[in-house]
Amino acid sequence: MTRHQPEPEPQRHPEPADSRGPASPAEAAPAPDPDLPAGAAVEAEGIGLKGPRGWVFREVTVEAAPGSVVALTGASGTGRTCLLLALTGRMKLTEGEARIGGLRLRKQAAAVRRTAALAHVPGVDDLEPSLTVGEHLRERVLLQRRYGTAPLAALKAALRPPRQRRADARRVHDEALEATGLDLATLPKGPRTAVRDLERLERLRLCVALALIGRPRLIAVDDVDLKLSAPLREEAWALLASVAASGVTVLAVCGEPPTGLPGDVPLVVVVTDRATGARTAEDAEPARKTDGTDETENEKETADALAETGRA
């Protein structure tokens, strides 16, 4: 009678069929086929960040739906970049409550960082001038494949045939370039063009493309319109609007926000002010001229905050 105990062994027959049958095609389908990720809603009320030299920003309220463009504007030294980093989980808030894509920013900052990507924040995610455009793209695809996914998903990807892995990497690469309008054929040396030889708008396109490789729900861009002529400024905002239209929420620091975006993409304008916190665009006064002192102080506060909270 004891030999009848192995009878449950036939239950193992479904396991090989599950691992070799529908499971591998089904598991392969989500990775090649995730359309564009859903954007993250931004909800913040009364948030503030205090550094060693005082408040960097305070009383900031933001409410933006997924797939919106949030323009953070204000005079130099009013904490625009720090606000950008705080909303992406890179700086720790001192007061207030915020949710990014339903995640509580103060208690789930690590989860927010996994869904929010920095596309162009000088001093934080600078490109390597000596590397080429193609090298940056290949490096980001490789890093995303090895470190940018959950352990189980990374293991499943590693078990795929090499040809499929290469095809997946090429597909992600091409989708990012298409979404940003970066045509490698138009560059001076194609994909071998060094970053130092790129124009400012081309560099912005490359930064956004690198961020989109990770399929984030939100991307952050600093100094969108810095040193750009009016026509190039329109192209830069059209780029961000196209990204937002695909479903990704965009946070953008700018000197002067646009009056509207192509395709009726939702636009939310937040005006920062060191003295009175953040206000809506309707209540904002014209930007004051500064002598550079506030900008220097803001850079020091940014460095101190990064040293204290760490960067992801």
Protein backbone atom coordinates (compact mmCIF):
# COMPACT_ATOMS: atom_id res chain seq x y z
CA MET A 1 0.00 0.00 0.00
CA THR A 2 2.87 2.35 0.62
CA ARG A 3 3.87 2.10 -3.04
CA HIS A 4 0.60 3.79 -4.02
CA GLN A 5 1.95 7.09 -2.60
CA PRO A 6 3.80 8.01 -5.84
CA GLU A 7 0.39 8.25 -7.57
CA PRO A 8 0.37 12.12 -7.27
CA GLU A 9 3.39 12.16 -9.64
CA PRO A 10 1.20 12.38 -12.77
CA GLN A 11 0.36 15.90 -11.63
CA ARG A 12 3.81 16.91 -12.88
CA HIS A 13 2.76 16.43 -16.49
CA PRO A 14 1.22 19.93 -16.77
CA GLU A 15 4.51 21.53 -15.63
CA PRO A 16 6.56 20.72 -18.78
CA ALA A 17 3.63 21.73 -20.95
CA ASP A 18 3.40 24.99 -19.00
CA SER A 19 7.10 25.78 -19.22
CA ARG A 20 7.62 24.79 -22.85
CA GLY A 21 4.18 25.52 -24.19
CA PRO A 22 2.16 28.69 -23.76
CA ALA A 23 4.33 30.10 -20.94
CA SER A 24 7.38 31.06 -22.95
CA PRO A 25 5.45 32.71 -25.81
CA ALA A 26 3.15 34.42 -23.34
CA GLU A 27 6.07 35.59 -21.25
CA ALA A 28 7.83 36.82 -24.34
CA ALA A 29 4.77 38.75 -25.48
CA PRO A 30 4.57 41.32 -22.66
CA ALA A 31 8.18 42.39 -23.06
CA PRO A 32 8.14 42.95 -26.81
CA ASP A 33 4.65 44.26 -26.83
CA PRO A 34 4.12 46.81 -24.02
CA ASP A 35 2.82 49.77 -25.99
CA LEU A 36 3.64 52.99 -24.29
CA PRO A 37 3.48 53.07 -20.52
CA ALA A 38 0.65 54.82 -18.77
CA GLY A 39 1.59 58.24 -17.52
CA ALA A 40 1.82 59.10 -13.85
CA ALA A 41 -0.52 61.63 -12.29
CA VAL A 42 1.22 64.31 -10.22
CA GLU A 43 -0.56 65.40 -7.06
CA ALA A 44 1.23 67.64 -4.57
CA GLU A 45 -0.15 69.89 -1.88
CA GLY A 46 1.86 72.27 0.27
CA ILE A 47 5.20 70.54 -0.32
CA GLY A 48 8.45 72.19 0.66
CA LEU A 49 12.17 71.50 0.86
CA LYS A 50 14.44 73.05 3.46
CA GLY A 51 18.20 73.06 3.14
CA PRO A 52 21.01 74.16 5.45
CA ARG A 53 20.57 77.78 4.29
CA GLY A 54 16.80 77.91 4.58
CA TRP A 55 13.80 77.01 2.46
CA VAL A 56 14.58 76.13 -1.14
CA PHE A 57 10.89 76.09 -2.06
CA ARG A 58 7.72 76.00 -0.03
CA GLU A 59 3.93 75.80 -0.33
CA VAL A 60 4.02 74.16 -3.75
CA THR A 61 0.78 72.68 -5.06
CA VAL A 62 0.65 70.74 -8.32
CA GLU A 63 -2.18 68.77 -9.87
CA ALA A 64 -1.61 67.20 -13.27
CA ALA A 65 -3.28 64.30 -15.04
CA PRO A 66 -1.29 61.48 -16.69
CA GLY A 67 0.11 62.49 -20.06
CA SER A 68 0.38 66.17 -19.14
CA VAL A 69 3.27 68.60 -19.47
CA VAL A 70 4.05 70.36 -16.18
CA ALA A 71 6.10 73.53 -16.78
CA LEU A 72 8.05 74.64 -13.70
CA THR A 73 8.99 78.25 -14.24
CA GLY A 74 10.23 81.16 -12.17
CA ALA A 75 13.21 83.38 -11.53
CA SER A 76 16.67 81.91 -11.07
CA GLY A 77 17.28 80.81 -7.51
CA THR A 78 13.68 79.92 -6.68
CA GLY A 79 14.28 76.18 -6.43
CA ARG A 80 12.97 75.03 -9.80
CA THR A 81 15.55 72.27 -10.25
CA CYS A 82 15.19 71.13 -6.64
CA LEU A 83 11.42 70.93 -7.12
CA LEU A 84 11.99 68.86 -10.27
CA LEU A 85 14.27 66.44 -8.41
CA ALA A 86 11.93 66.26 -5.43
CA LEU A 87 8.94 65.31 -7.58
CA THR A 88 10.97 62.47 -9.09
CA GLY A 89 12.04 61.10 -5.70
CA ARG A 90 15.63 62.34 -5.90
CA MET A 91 15.31 64.79 -3.01
CA LYS A 92 13.55 64.31 0.30
CA LEU A 93 10.67 66.65 1.04
CA THR A 94 10.56 68.51 4.32
CA GLU A 95 6.85 69.20 4.45
CA GLY A 96 3.64 68.53 2.56
CA GLU A 97 2.26 65.46 0.83
CA ALA A 98 2.63 64.34 -2.77
CA ARG A 99 1.66 61.34 -4.88
CA ILE A 100 3.29 60.38 -8.16
CA GLY A 101 1.30 57.81 -10.07
CA GLY A 102 -0.50 56.86 -6.85
CA LEU A 103 2.76 56.37 -4.94
CA ARG A 104 3.30 58.40 -1.78
CA LEU A 105 6.41 60.43 -2.48
CA ARG A 106 7.67 60.74 1.10
CA LYS A 107 7.29 57.05 1.95
CA GLN A 108 7.75 55.40 -1.44
CA ALA A 109 10.51 57.50 -2.97
CA ALA A 110 12.39 54.43 -4.21
CA ALA A 111 9.32 53.22 -6.10
CA VAL A 112 8.87 56.70 -7.57
CA ARG A 113 12.47 56.70 -8.79
CA ARG A 114 11.83 53.45 -10.64
CA THR A 115 8.94 55.01 -12.56
CA ALA A 116 10.41 58.49 -13.11
CA ALA A 117 13.44 59.08 -15.33
CA LEU A 118 15.73 62.07 -15.61
CA ALA A 119 16.04 63.09 -19.24
CA HIS A 120 18.14 66.24 -19.05
CA VAL A 121 19.28 67.58 -15.67
CA PRO A 122 22.74 69.18 -15.90
CA GLY A 123 24.96 68.26 -12.98
CA VAL A 124 23.00 65.08 -12.26
CA ASP A 125 22.78 62.98 -15.44
CA ASP A 126 25.27 64.66 -17.76
CA LEU A 127 26.24 62.90 -20.95
CA GLU A 128 29.85 61.94 -21.56
CA PRO A 129 31.14 64.40 -24.20
CA SER A 130 33.77 62.02 -25.56
CA LEU A 131 31.33 59.16 -26.20
CA THR A 132 29.33 58.91 -29.40
CA VAL A 133 25.57 58.94 -29.77
CA GLY A 134 25.55 55.25 -30.67
CA GLU A 135 27.67 54.35 -27.63
CA HIS A 136 25.28 56.18 -25.31
CA LEU A 137 22.29 54.37 -26.78
CA ARG A 138 23.90 50.93 -26.65
CA GLU A 139 25.07 51.51 -23.09
CA ARG A 140 21.60 52.55 -21.94
CA VAL A 141 19.94 49.54 -23.60
CA LEU A 142 22.44 47.20 -21.94
CA LEU A 143 22.05 48.80 -18.52
CA GLN A 144 18.28 48.74 -18.79
CA ARG A 145 18.28 45.09 -19.74
CA ARG A 146 20.50 44.08 -16.84
CA TYR A 147 19.58 46.48 -14.04
CA GLY A 148 16.45 48.36 -15.07
CA THR A 149 13.96 45.50 -14.77
CA ALA A 150 12.66 43.37 -11.94
CA PRO A 151 14.80 40.29 -11.12
CA LEU A 152 12.20 37.84 -12.40
CA ALA A 153 11.71 39.76 -15.64
CA ALA A 154 15.49 40.02 -16.10
CA LEU A 155 15.83 36.26 -15.61
CA LYS A 156 13.10 35.55 -18.16
CA ALA A 157 14.78 37.91 -20.62
CA ALA A 158 18.14 36.19 -20.11
CA LEU A 159 16.59 32.82 -20.96
CA ARG A 160 15.38 34.01 -24.35
CA PRO A 161 17.37 33.10 -27.45
CA PRO A 162 20.19 35.53 -28.26
CA ARG A 163 18.52 36.47 -31.55
CA GLN A 164 15.33 37.48 -29.74
CA ARG A 165 17.26 39.49 -27.15
CA ARG A 166 19.04 41.39 -29.91
CA ALA A 167 15.75 42.01 -31.68
CA ASP A 168 14.16 43.30 -28.47
CA ALA A 169 17.11 45.63 -27.86
CA ARG A 170 16.93 46.95 -31.42
CA ARG A 171 13.18 47.50 -31.13
CA VAL A 172 13.51 49.51 -27.90
CA HIS A 173 16.36 51.49 -29.46
CA ASP A 174 14.36 52.33 -32.59
CA GLU A 175 11.19 53.21 -30.69
CA ALA A 176 13.05 55.71 -28.50
CA LEU A 177 14.61 57.40 -31.53
CA GLU A 178 11.29 57.55 -33.35
CA ALA A 179 9.49 59.02 -30.34
CA THR A 180 12.01 61.87 -30.07
CA GLY A 181 12.54 62.50 -33.77
CA LEU A 182 16.28 61.90 -33.50
CA ASP A 183 17.43 60.85 -36.97
CA LEU A 184 20.94 59.44 -36.75
CA ALA A 185 21.39 59.78 -40.51
CA THR A 186 21.19 63.58 -40.26
CA LEU A 187 24.01 63.83 -37.72
CA PRO A 188 27.46 64.86 -39.00
CA LYS A 189 28.94 61.39 -38.51
CA GLY A 190 25.77 59.40 -37.97
CA PRO A 191 25.75 57.29 -34.81
CA ARG A 192 29.50 57.91 -34.50
CA THR A 193 28.94 61.60 -33.83
CA ALA A 194 30.44 62.61 -30.48
CA VAL A 195 28.11 64.23 -27.97
CA ARG A 196 30.31 67.31 -27.86
CA ASP A 197 29.50 67.92 -31.54
CA LEU A 198 25.72 67.90 -31.07
CA GLU A 199 23.61 71.01 -31.18
CA ARG A 200 21.65 71.80 -28.04
CA LEU A 201 18.31 70.62 -29.43
CA GLU A 202 19.87 67.40 -30.73
CA ARG A 203 21.37 66.79 -27.30
CA LEU A 204 17.96 67.29 -25.73
CA ARG A 205 16.47 64.74 -28.14
CA LEU A 206 19.19 62.26 -27.23
CA CYS A 207 18.61 62.74 -23.49
CA VAL A 208 14.88 62.18 -23.87
CA ALA A 209 15.49 59.11 -26.04
CA LEU A 210 17.81 57.64 -23.40
CA ALA A 211 15.17 58.22 -20.73
CA LEU A 212 12.43 56.59 -22.81
CA ILE A 213 14.48 53.40 -23.19
CA GLY A 214 13.60 52.62 -19.58
CA ARG A 215 9.86 52.98 -20.38
CA PRO A 216 9.16 55.42 -17.53
CA ARG A 217 5.79 56.81 -16.57
CA LEU A 218 7.27 60.26 -15.99
CA ILE A 219 10.35 62.07 -17.28
CA ALA A 220 12.01 65.20 -15.93
CA VAL A 221 13.77 67.78 -18.11
CA ASP A 222 15.70 70.78 -16.82
CA ASP A 223 16.42 74.05 -18.67
CA VAL A 224 14.28 73.21 -21.68
CA ASP A 225 14.53 76.62 -23.33
CA LEU A 226 17.97 77.69 -22.13
CA LYS A 227 19.98 79.35 -24.94
CA LEU A 228 17.44 78.41 -27.59
CA SER A 229 16.05 80.74 -30.22
CA ALA A 230 12.30 81.13 -30.56
CA PRO A 231 11.97 78.57 -33.42
CA LEU A 232 14.12 76.02 -31.58
CA ARG A 233 12.12 76.66 -28.44
CA GLU A 234 8.96 75.72 -30.28
CA GLU A 235 10.62 72.54 -31.52
CA ALA A 236 11.69 71.63 -27.99
CA TRP A 237 8.16 72.06 -26.63
CA ALA A 238 6.76 70.13 -29.61
CA LEU A 239 9.14 67.29 -28.70
CA LEU A 240 7.93 67.21 -25.09
CA ALA A 241 4.31 67.48 -26.23
CA SER A 242 4.73 64.44 -28.49
CA VAL A 243 6.19 62.46 -25.59
CA ALA A 244 3.27 63.49 -23.37
CA ALA A 245 0.79 62.60 -26.12
CA SER A 246 2.19 59.07 -26.07
CA GLY A 247 1.13 58.78 -22.43
CA VAL A 248 4.25 59.78 -20.48
CA THR A 249 3.94 62.68 -18.04
CA VAL A 250 6.61 65.37 -18.53
CA LEU A 251 8.06 67.70 -15.88
CA ALA A 252 9.99 70.54 -17.50
CA VAL A 253 11.90 73.47 -15.98
CA CYS A 254 11.86 76.52 -18.20
CA GLY A 255 12.44 80.25 -18.16
CA GLU A 256 9.28 81.05 -20.06
CA PRO A 257 6.39 78.58 -20.35
CA PRO A 258 4.56 78.13 -23.66
CA THR A 259 1.10 79.52 -24.17
CA GLY A 260 -0.08 76.18 -25.52
CA LEU A 261 1.11 72.85 -26.85
CA PRO A 262 0.48 71.05 -30.15
CA GLY A 263 -2.25 68.46 -30.24
CA ASP A 264 -4.12 69.97 -27.30
CA VAL A 265 -1.75 68.27 -24.85
CA PRO A 266 -2.66 69.33 -21.28
CA LEU A 267 -0.32 72.00 -19.93
CA VAL A 268 0.07 72.83 -16.24
CA VAL A 269 2.19 75.86 -15.30
CA VAL A 270 3.69 76.17 -11.81
CA VAL A 271 5.49 79.42 -11.00
CA THR A 272 8.01 79.18 -8.16
CA ASP A 273 8.94 82.08 -5.92
CA ARG A 274 11.33 81.89 -2.98
CA ALA A 275 9.28 84.26 -0.83
CA THR A 276 5.73 83.11 -1.49
CA GLY A 277 6.21 79.52 -2.64
CA ALA A 278 4.60 78.33 -5.85
CA ARG A 279 1.68 80.04 -7.49
CA THR A 280 -0.46 79.49 -10.52
CA ALA A 281 0.43 81.18 -13.77
CA GLU A 282 -2.54 83.55 -13.45
CA ASP A 283 -1.39 84.87 -10.08
CA ALA A 284 2.28 85.15 -10.97
CA GLU A 285 4.07 88.43 -11.38
CA PRO A 286 6.63 89.03 -14.11
CA ALA A 287 9.96 87.37 -13.39
CA ARG A 288 12.43 89.61 -11.56
CA LYS A 289 15.93 90.20 -12.82
CA THR A 290 18.64 88.76 -10.66
CA ASP A 291 22.31 89.57 -10.30
CA GLY A 292 23.34 85.90 -10.11
CA THR A 293 23.56 85.76 -6.30
CA ASP A 294 20.31 83.82 -5.94
CA GLU A 295 21.39 81.38 -8.63
CA THR A 296 24.68 80.72 -6.83
CA GLU A 297 22.90 80.18 -3.53
CA ASN A 298 20.43 77.84 -5.19
CA GLU A 299 23.26 75.78 -6.67
CA LYS A 300 24.84 75.47 -3.22
CA GLU A 301 21.55 74.39 -1.70
CA THR A 302 21.07 71.84 -4.47
CA ALA A 303 24.52 70.36 -3.83
CA ASP A 304 23.88 70.21 -0.07
CA ALA A 305 20.53 68.53 -0.54
CA LEU A 306 22.01 65.96 -2.91
CA ALA A 307 24.78 65.20 -0.42
CA GLU A 308 22.26 64.66 2.36
CA THR A 309 19.61 62.63 0.57
CA GLY A 310 21.73 60.81 -2.04
CA ARG A 311 20.97 60.31 -5.72
CA ALA A 312 19.33 57.37 -7.41
